N, C-alpha and C. Protein backbone atom coordinates (compact mmCIF):
# COMPACT_ATOMS: atom_id res chain seq x y z
N MET A 1 12.28 -7.80 17.46
CA MET A 1 12.03 -8.47 16.21
C MET A 1 12.52 -7.60 15.05
N GLU A 2 13.12 -8.22 14.09
CA GLU A 2 13.66 -7.51 12.94
C GLU A 2 12.52 -7.09 12.00
N LYS A 3 12.62 -5.86 11.52
CA LYS A 3 11.62 -5.36 10.56
C LYS A 3 12.30 -5.18 9.21
N THR A 4 11.57 -5.52 8.16
CA THR A 4 12.09 -5.43 6.80
C THR A 4 11.23 -4.47 6.00
N LEU A 5 11.85 -3.63 5.21
CA LEU A 5 11.13 -2.73 4.33
C LEU A 5 10.99 -3.39 2.98
N ILE A 6 9.76 -3.47 2.49
CA ILE A 6 9.53 -4.02 1.16
C ILE A 6 8.94 -2.92 0.30
N SER A 7 9.07 -3.07 -0.99
CA SER A 7 8.59 -2.06 -1.91
C SER A 7 7.79 -2.71 -3.03
N GLY A 8 6.69 -2.09 -3.35
CA GLY A 8 5.90 -2.54 -4.49
C GLY A 8 4.65 -3.31 -4.10
N TYR A 9 3.61 -3.07 -4.86
CA TYR A 9 2.32 -3.68 -4.57
C TYR A 9 2.36 -5.20 -4.66
N ILE A 10 3.02 -5.74 -5.68
CA ILE A 10 3.04 -7.19 -5.87
C ILE A 10 3.74 -7.87 -4.69
N SER A 11 4.83 -7.29 -4.21
CA SER A 11 5.52 -7.85 -3.04
C SER A 11 4.62 -7.82 -1.82
N LEU A 12 3.97 -6.69 -1.60
CA LEU A 12 3.08 -6.57 -0.46
C LEU A 12 1.92 -7.56 -0.56
N LYS A 13 1.33 -7.65 -1.72
CA LYS A 13 0.21 -8.57 -1.93
C LYS A 13 0.63 -10.01 -1.64
N SER A 14 1.79 -10.39 -2.12
CA SER A 14 2.29 -11.75 -1.90
C SER A 14 2.48 -12.05 -0.42
N ILE A 15 3.06 -11.12 0.31
CA ILE A 15 3.29 -11.31 1.73
C ILE A 15 1.97 -11.38 2.50
N LEU A 16 1.02 -10.52 2.15
CA LEU A 16 -0.27 -10.54 2.82
C LEU A 16 -1.02 -11.84 2.55
N GLU A 17 -0.97 -12.32 1.32
CA GLU A 17 -1.68 -13.56 0.97
C GLU A 17 -1.02 -14.78 1.61
N ALA A 18 0.30 -14.82 1.60
CA ALA A 18 1.03 -15.97 2.14
C ALA A 18 1.07 -15.97 3.66
N LYS A 19 0.85 -14.78 4.24
CA LYS A 19 0.96 -14.62 5.69
C LYS A 19 2.32 -15.11 6.19
N SER A 20 3.34 -14.85 5.36
CA SER A 20 4.69 -15.30 5.67
C SER A 20 5.44 -14.36 6.61
N ARG A 21 4.98 -13.12 6.69
CA ARG A 21 5.59 -12.13 7.57
C ARG A 21 4.48 -11.28 8.18
N GLU A 22 4.77 -10.72 9.33
CA GLU A 22 3.81 -9.81 9.94
C GLU A 22 4.03 -8.43 9.34
N VAL A 23 2.98 -7.83 8.84
CA VAL A 23 3.06 -6.49 8.25
C VAL A 23 2.55 -5.51 9.30
N TYR A 24 3.42 -4.61 9.73
CA TYR A 24 3.08 -3.66 10.77
C TYR A 24 2.44 -2.40 10.22
N GLU A 25 2.91 -1.97 9.04
CA GLU A 25 2.46 -0.70 8.51
C GLU A 25 2.76 -0.64 7.01
N VAL A 26 1.87 0.02 6.29
CA VAL A 26 2.10 0.29 4.88
C VAL A 26 2.27 1.80 4.75
N VAL A 27 3.32 2.22 4.09
CA VAL A 27 3.60 3.64 3.90
C VAL A 27 3.32 3.97 2.43
N LEU A 28 2.43 4.94 2.23
CA LEU A 28 2.04 5.32 0.87
C LEU A 28 2.38 6.78 0.61
N ASP A 29 2.70 7.07 -0.64
CA ASP A 29 2.96 8.44 -1.08
C ASP A 29 1.62 9.18 -1.18
N LYS A 30 1.42 10.17 -0.31
CA LYS A 30 0.15 10.89 -0.26
C LYS A 30 -0.16 11.60 -1.57
N ASP A 31 0.84 12.23 -2.18
CA ASP A 31 0.62 12.96 -3.43
C ASP A 31 0.17 12.00 -4.54
N ARG A 32 0.83 10.85 -4.63
CA ARG A 32 0.45 9.86 -5.65
C ARG A 32 -0.95 9.33 -5.38
N TYR A 33 -1.24 9.03 -4.12
CA TYR A 33 -2.55 8.51 -3.75
C TYR A 33 -3.65 9.51 -4.14
N ASP A 34 -3.45 10.78 -3.81
CA ASP A 34 -4.45 11.81 -4.14
C ASP A 34 -4.63 11.93 -5.64
N LYS A 35 -3.53 11.87 -6.39
CA LYS A 35 -3.60 11.97 -7.85
C LYS A 35 -4.39 10.81 -8.45
N VAL A 36 -4.14 9.61 -7.96
CA VAL A 36 -4.83 8.42 -8.46
C VAL A 36 -6.32 8.49 -8.12
N GLN A 37 -6.65 8.90 -6.90
CA GLN A 37 -8.05 8.97 -6.50
C GLN A 37 -8.83 10.01 -7.31
N ALA A 38 -8.17 11.07 -7.74
CA ALA A 38 -8.83 12.12 -8.51
C ALA A 38 -8.94 11.80 -9.99
N SER A 39 -8.26 10.76 -10.44
CA SER A 39 -8.19 10.44 -11.86
C SER A 39 -9.19 9.37 -12.26
N ASN A 40 -9.62 9.44 -13.50
CA ASN A 40 -10.47 8.38 -14.07
C ASN A 40 -9.63 7.36 -14.84
N PHE A 41 -8.33 7.57 -14.95
CA PHE A 41 -7.48 6.72 -15.76
C PHE A 41 -6.72 5.65 -14.96
N HIS A 42 -6.67 5.78 -13.66
CA HIS A 42 -5.86 4.89 -12.83
C HIS A 42 -6.72 3.85 -12.11
N VAL A 43 -7.58 3.18 -12.85
CA VAL A 43 -8.53 2.23 -12.25
C VAL A 43 -7.80 1.09 -11.55
N ASN A 44 -6.78 0.52 -12.18
CA ASN A 44 -6.06 -0.59 -11.56
C ASN A 44 -5.37 -0.18 -10.27
N GLU A 45 -4.78 1.00 -10.26
CA GLU A 45 -4.12 1.49 -9.05
C GLU A 45 -5.14 1.75 -7.94
N LYS A 46 -6.31 2.25 -8.31
CA LYS A 46 -7.37 2.46 -7.32
C LYS A 46 -7.74 1.14 -6.66
N ARG A 47 -7.82 0.08 -7.45
CA ARG A 47 -8.13 -1.24 -6.90
C ARG A 47 -7.04 -1.71 -5.95
N GLN A 48 -5.78 -1.44 -6.31
CA GLN A 48 -4.67 -1.83 -5.44
C GLN A 48 -4.76 -1.12 -4.10
N TYR A 49 -5.01 0.18 -4.12
CA TYR A 49 -5.14 0.94 -2.88
C TYR A 49 -6.32 0.42 -2.06
N GLU A 50 -7.41 0.08 -2.72
CA GLU A 50 -8.58 -0.44 -2.02
C GLU A 50 -8.26 -1.77 -1.33
N ARG A 51 -7.52 -2.64 -2.02
CA ARG A 51 -7.14 -3.92 -1.42
C ARG A 51 -6.25 -3.72 -0.20
N ILE A 52 -5.33 -2.77 -0.30
CA ILE A 52 -4.45 -2.48 0.83
C ILE A 52 -5.29 -1.97 2.01
N GLN A 53 -6.22 -1.06 1.75
CA GLN A 53 -7.05 -0.52 2.82
C GLN A 53 -7.92 -1.60 3.45
N ASN A 54 -8.38 -2.56 2.67
CA ASN A 54 -9.23 -3.63 3.19
C ASN A 54 -8.44 -4.74 3.88
N SER A 55 -7.12 -4.68 3.83
CA SER A 55 -6.29 -5.73 4.42
C SER A 55 -6.24 -5.65 5.94
N GLY A 56 -6.62 -4.50 6.49
CA GLY A 56 -6.59 -4.34 7.93
C GLY A 56 -5.25 -3.89 8.48
N VAL A 57 -4.29 -3.65 7.61
CA VAL A 57 -2.96 -3.19 8.02
C VAL A 57 -2.98 -1.67 8.19
N SER A 58 -2.25 -1.18 9.16
CA SER A 58 -2.15 0.26 9.40
C SER A 58 -1.51 0.94 8.19
N ILE A 59 -2.07 2.07 7.78
CA ILE A 59 -1.56 2.82 6.62
C ILE A 59 -1.12 4.20 7.09
N ARG A 60 0.07 4.59 6.63
CA ARG A 60 0.59 5.92 6.91
C ARG A 60 0.89 6.59 5.58
N PHE A 61 0.40 7.83 5.43
CA PHE A 61 0.67 8.58 4.20
C PHE A 61 1.81 9.57 4.46
N VAL A 62 2.73 9.64 3.50
CA VAL A 62 3.85 10.57 3.59
C VAL A 62 3.91 11.39 2.31
N SER A 63 4.51 12.57 2.40
CA SER A 63 4.70 13.40 1.22
C SER A 63 6.07 14.05 1.29
N GLU A 64 6.53 14.52 0.16
CA GLU A 64 7.86 15.14 0.09
C GLU A 64 7.75 16.62 0.46
N GLU A 65 7.76 16.89 1.73
CA GLU A 65 7.69 18.29 2.19
C GLU A 65 8.93 18.68 2.91
C-alpha cells in the first residue's frame, strides 16, 4: 500500500476527521514539543498536541541530532 507524507496540523486533523486515509504514524519534532509543553504561551499548540495524542495514532518523536 502506498504511504503519503503530509505536513501540518490542519491537514492531519482533516484526514483524521474525514477518515479518508489510514494514518499509520505521526512524526513530531521533539525539541518543539518540549518547548511548547514547558511554555505558558503556546496554549493552542498544546491543545493540538493533545488532540493528536488522543486520536489513537502512533506518535514518534524526532530531533535534529
